[in-house]
Amino acid sequence: MTRFTRAELEAARDRLVPDVVADGLHVLFCGINPGLLSAATGHHFARPGNRFWPVLHLSGFTPRQLKPSEQDELPSYGLGITNVVARASARADELSAEEYREGGRLLALKVARLRPRWLAVVGVTAYRAAFDDRKAQVGPQERTIGGTRIWVLPNPSGLNAHWTAQTMAEEFARLRVAADAEA
């Protein structure tokens, strides 16, 4: 992996990480916002301690563990990635309530246009803030966006000590089973 200086990472704050999307995906995963390393590389969930890629494989969504640089392979599996908030930051707590609300509004428009079967928001706090749903828990939600169902997944950040890679993979697998049942 390329090493970046702190100055290079800070300069990446202004870069957008492109969505990996297509019409009619089985699952559109939605991160909170890109970290600075993701902005610097242009790859979602790029920080080595982030468990998204290992958990995606452990849960059976992909036949092997993909690297962040292989994110463009996701649509071939019926998967995609976007973010609630496009702005990169060192930490999610740098985002304002308004950024979450506006991100939720824009995300709903994107989902209505792309029509994935499932929107999977990785991070219950982000989902609550973006969709003004203070009672949301990990798992399937009652809310839909058009015909798209919503599932909230645990945040795969290495900072989320409440979930192990194994328990996260079990929750991701619950979503995979639900998505496969509708295929």
Protein backbone atom coordinates (compact mmCIF):
# COMPACT_ATOMS: atom_id res chain seq x y z
CA MET A 1 0.00 0.00 0.00
CA THR A 2 1.17 3.49 -0.81
CA ARG A 3 2.20 5.52 2.23
CA PHE A 4 0.84 9.05 2.51
CA THR A 5 2.20 11.89 4.59
CA ARG A 6 -0.13 13.68 6.96
CA ALA A 7 -0.08 16.69 4.60
CA GLU A 8 -1.10 14.48 1.65
CA LEU A 9 -3.96 13.01 3.67
CA GLU A 10 -5.12 16.47 4.76
CA ALA A 11 -5.02 17.65 1.14
CA ALA A 12 -7.29 14.73 0.23
CA ARG A 13 -10.20 16.24 2.22
CA ASP A 14 -11.34 18.01 -0.94
CA ARG A 15 -11.39 14.86 -3.10
CA LEU A 16 -14.54 12.91 -3.74
CA VAL A 17 -14.50 9.13 -3.66
CA PRO A 18 -16.57 7.99 -6.65
CA ASP A 19 -19.56 5.78 -6.05
CA VAL A 20 -19.38 2.20 -7.27
CA VAL A 21 -22.93 1.79 -8.56
CA ALA A 22 -25.13 0.41 -11.32
CA ASP A 23 -28.87 0.19 -11.87
CA GLY A 24 -30.72 -2.63 -10.15
CA LEU A 25 -28.05 -3.80 -7.70
CA HIS A 26 -28.95 -6.49 -5.16
CA VAL A 27 -27.35 -4.46 -2.33
CA LEU A 28 -26.03 -0.92 -2.28
CA PHE A 29 -23.75 -0.56 0.74
CA CYS A 30 -23.59 2.93 2.17
CA GLY A 31 -20.73 4.08 4.36
CA ILE A 32 -20.90 7.11 6.64
CA ASN A 33 -18.34 9.21 4.73
CA PRO A 34 -14.91 8.62 3.25
CA GLY A 35 -11.92 8.69 5.54
CA LEU A 36 -8.85 10.62 4.50
CA LEU A 37 -7.09 7.49 3.23
CA SER A 38 -10.13 6.61 1.13
CA ALA A 39 -10.10 10.13 -0.32
CA ALA A 40 -6.37 9.90 -1.02
CA THR A 41 -6.67 6.53 -2.80
CA GLY A 42 -10.15 6.89 -4.31
CA HIS A 43 -11.12 3.54 -2.74
CA HIS A 44 -13.92 2.96 -0.25
CA PHE A 45 -13.05 1.50 3.16
CA ALA A 46 -9.33 1.86 2.39
CA ARG A 47 -7.97 2.04 5.95
CA PRO A 48 -6.23 -1.27 6.76
CA GLY A 49 -8.03 -1.64 10.12
CA ASN A 50 -11.47 -1.31 8.53
CA ARG A 51 -13.22 -4.66 8.48
CA PHE A 52 -15.61 -4.03 5.57
CA TRP A 53 -13.74 -6.08 2.95
CA PRO A 54 -12.98 -9.08 5.21
CA VAL A 55 -16.56 -9.11 6.54
CA LEU A 56 -18.02 -8.84 3.04
CA HIS A 57 -16.18 -12.04 2.16
CA LEU A 58 -16.80 -13.84 5.47
CA SER A 59 -20.54 -13.22 5.07
CA GLY A 60 -20.58 -14.82 1.62
CA PHE A 61 -21.19 -11.71 -0.48
CA THR A 62 -17.94 -12.22 -2.40
CA PRO A 63 -16.14 -15.47 -3.27
CA ARG A 64 -12.82 -14.06 -2.04
CA GLN A 65 -11.68 -11.10 0.01
CA LEU A 66 -11.40 -8.11 -2.28
CA LYS A 67 -8.92 -5.33 -1.74
CA PRO A 68 -10.19 -1.76 -1.72
CA SER A 69 -8.44 -1.27 -5.08
CA GLU A 70 -10.69 -4.02 -6.50
CA GLN A 71 -13.92 -2.22 -5.59
CA ASP A 72 -14.94 -1.95 -9.26
CA GLU A 73 -15.56 -5.72 -9.24
CA LEU A 74 -18.52 -5.27 -6.88
CA PRO A 75 -21.22 -4.67 -9.52
CA SER A 76 -20.39 -8.07 -11.03
CA TYR A 77 -21.66 -9.52 -7.72
CA GLY A 78 -24.74 -7.27 -7.71
CA LEU A 79 -23.16 -4.97 -5.10
CA GLY A 80 -22.23 -1.30 -4.93
CA ILE A 81 -20.92 1.33 -2.51
CA THR A 82 -21.79 4.93 -1.79
CA ASN A 83 -21.71 7.19 1.30
CA VAL A 84 -24.23 9.17 3.33
CA VAL A 85 -21.93 12.21 3.26
CA ALA A 86 -19.50 12.72 0.37
CA ARG A 87 -17.07 14.96 2.28
CA ALA A 88 -13.96 13.18 3.53
CA SER A 89 -12.90 13.61 7.14
CA ALA A 90 -10.50 12.08 9.62
CA ARG A 91 -13.42 11.03 11.86
CA ALA A 92 -17.18 10.73 11.40
CA ASP A 93 -17.75 12.96 14.45
CA GLU A 94 -16.48 15.88 12.35
CA LEU A 95 -19.74 15.80 10.36
CA SER A 96 -22.61 18.11 11.28
CA ALA A 97 -26.23 17.14 11.80
CA GLU A 98 -27.08 19.17 8.70
CA GLU A 99 -24.56 17.22 6.61
CA TYR A 100 -26.19 13.96 7.72
CA ARG A 101 -29.71 15.23 6.95
CA GLU A 102 -28.69 16.56 3.53
CA GLY A 103 -26.77 13.35 2.88
CA GLY A 104 -29.87 11.31 3.71
CA ARG A 105 -31.95 13.42 1.33
CA LEU A 106 -29.42 12.98 -1.51
CA LEU A 107 -29.04 9.27 -0.73
CA ALA A 108 -32.81 8.77 -1.02
CA LEU A 109 -32.74 10.43 -4.46
CA LYS A 110 -29.81 8.23 -5.54
CA VAL A 111 -31.57 5.08 -4.33
CA ALA A 112 -34.81 6.08 -6.10
CA ARG A 113 -32.81 6.51 -9.33
CA LEU A 114 -30.70 3.31 -9.05
CA ARG A 115 -33.40 1.06 -7.52
CA PRO A 116 -31.24 -1.46 -5.64
CA ARG A 117 -33.20 -4.21 -3.88
CA TRP A 118 -31.55 -3.32 -0.56
CA LEU A 119 -29.79 -0.25 0.82
CA ALA A 120 -27.37 -1.36 3.55
CA VAL A 121 -26.26 1.54 5.74
CA VAL A 122 -23.11 0.60 7.67
CA GLY A 123 -23.49 2.43 10.95
CA VAL A 124 -26.66 2.76 13.00
CA THR A 125 -25.72 6.23 14.24
CA ALA A 126 -25.31 7.46 10.64
CA TYR A 127 -28.67 5.96 9.66
CA ARG A 128 -30.40 7.55 12.64
CA ALA A 129 -28.93 10.96 11.82
CA ALA A 130 -29.50 10.79 8.06
CA PHE A 131 -33.09 9.59 8.27
CA ASP A 132 -34.14 11.13 11.60
CA ASP A 133 -34.95 7.74 13.09
CA ARG A 134 -33.67 7.79 16.69
CA LYS A 135 -35.01 4.31 17.48
CA ALA A 136 -33.39 2.43 14.58
CA GLN A 137 -31.41 -0.67 15.47
CA VAL A 138 -29.12 -2.94 13.46
CA GLY A 139 -31.19 -5.10 11.12
CA PRO A 140 -33.99 -4.61 8.60
CA GLN A 141 -35.94 -1.35 8.83
CA GLU A 142 -39.62 -0.67 8.20
CA ARG A 143 -38.78 2.37 6.06
CA THR A 144 -38.37 1.84 2.34
CA ILE A 145 -37.27 4.14 -0.48
CA GLY A 146 -39.62 3.28 -3.30
CA GLY A 147 -39.26 -0.48 -3.68
CA THR A 148 -35.86 -0.53 -1.95
CA ARG A 149 -35.74 -2.10 1.49
CA ILE A 150 -33.25 -0.83 4.08
CA TRP A 151 -30.97 -2.82 6.38
CA VAL A 152 -28.73 -1.18 8.97
CA LEU A 153 -25.43 -2.96 9.51
CA PRO A 154 -22.78 -2.43 12.19
CA ASN A 155 -20.04 0.07 11.38
CA PRO A 156 -17.00 -1.95 10.18
CA SER A 157 -14.51 0.59 11.51
CA GLY A 158 -11.80 -0.91 13.66
CA LEU A 159 -12.94 1.57 16.33
CA ASN A 160 -16.26 -0.26 16.70
CA ALA A 161 -15.22 -2.67 19.46
CA HIS A 162 -18.82 -3.75 20.18
CA TRP A 163 -18.76 -5.99 17.11
CA THR A 164 -16.14 -8.57 16.17
CA ALA A 165 -15.45 -9.44 12.55
CA GLN A 166 -17.32 -12.71 13.14
CA THR A 167 -20.45 -11.15 14.66
CA MET A 168 -20.42 -8.50 11.93
CA ALA A 169 -20.14 -11.22 9.28
CA GLU A 170 -23.16 -12.96 10.82
CA GLU A 171 -25.22 -9.76 10.50
CA PHE A 172 -24.00 -9.13 6.94
CA ALA A 173 -24.91 -12.77 6.15
CA ARG A 174 -28.48 -12.20 7.41
CA LEU A 175 -28.76 -9.44 4.82
CA ARG A 176 -27.21 -11.65 2.12
CA VAL A 177 -29.77 -14.39 2.81
CA ALA A 178 -32.61 -11.86 2.61
CA ALA A 179 -31.22 -10.38 -0.62
CA ASP A 180 -30.72 -13.86 -2.14
CA ALA A 181 -34.30 -14.82 -1.25
CA GLU A 182 -35.57 -11.94 -3.38
CA ALA A 183 -33.29 -12.68 -6.35
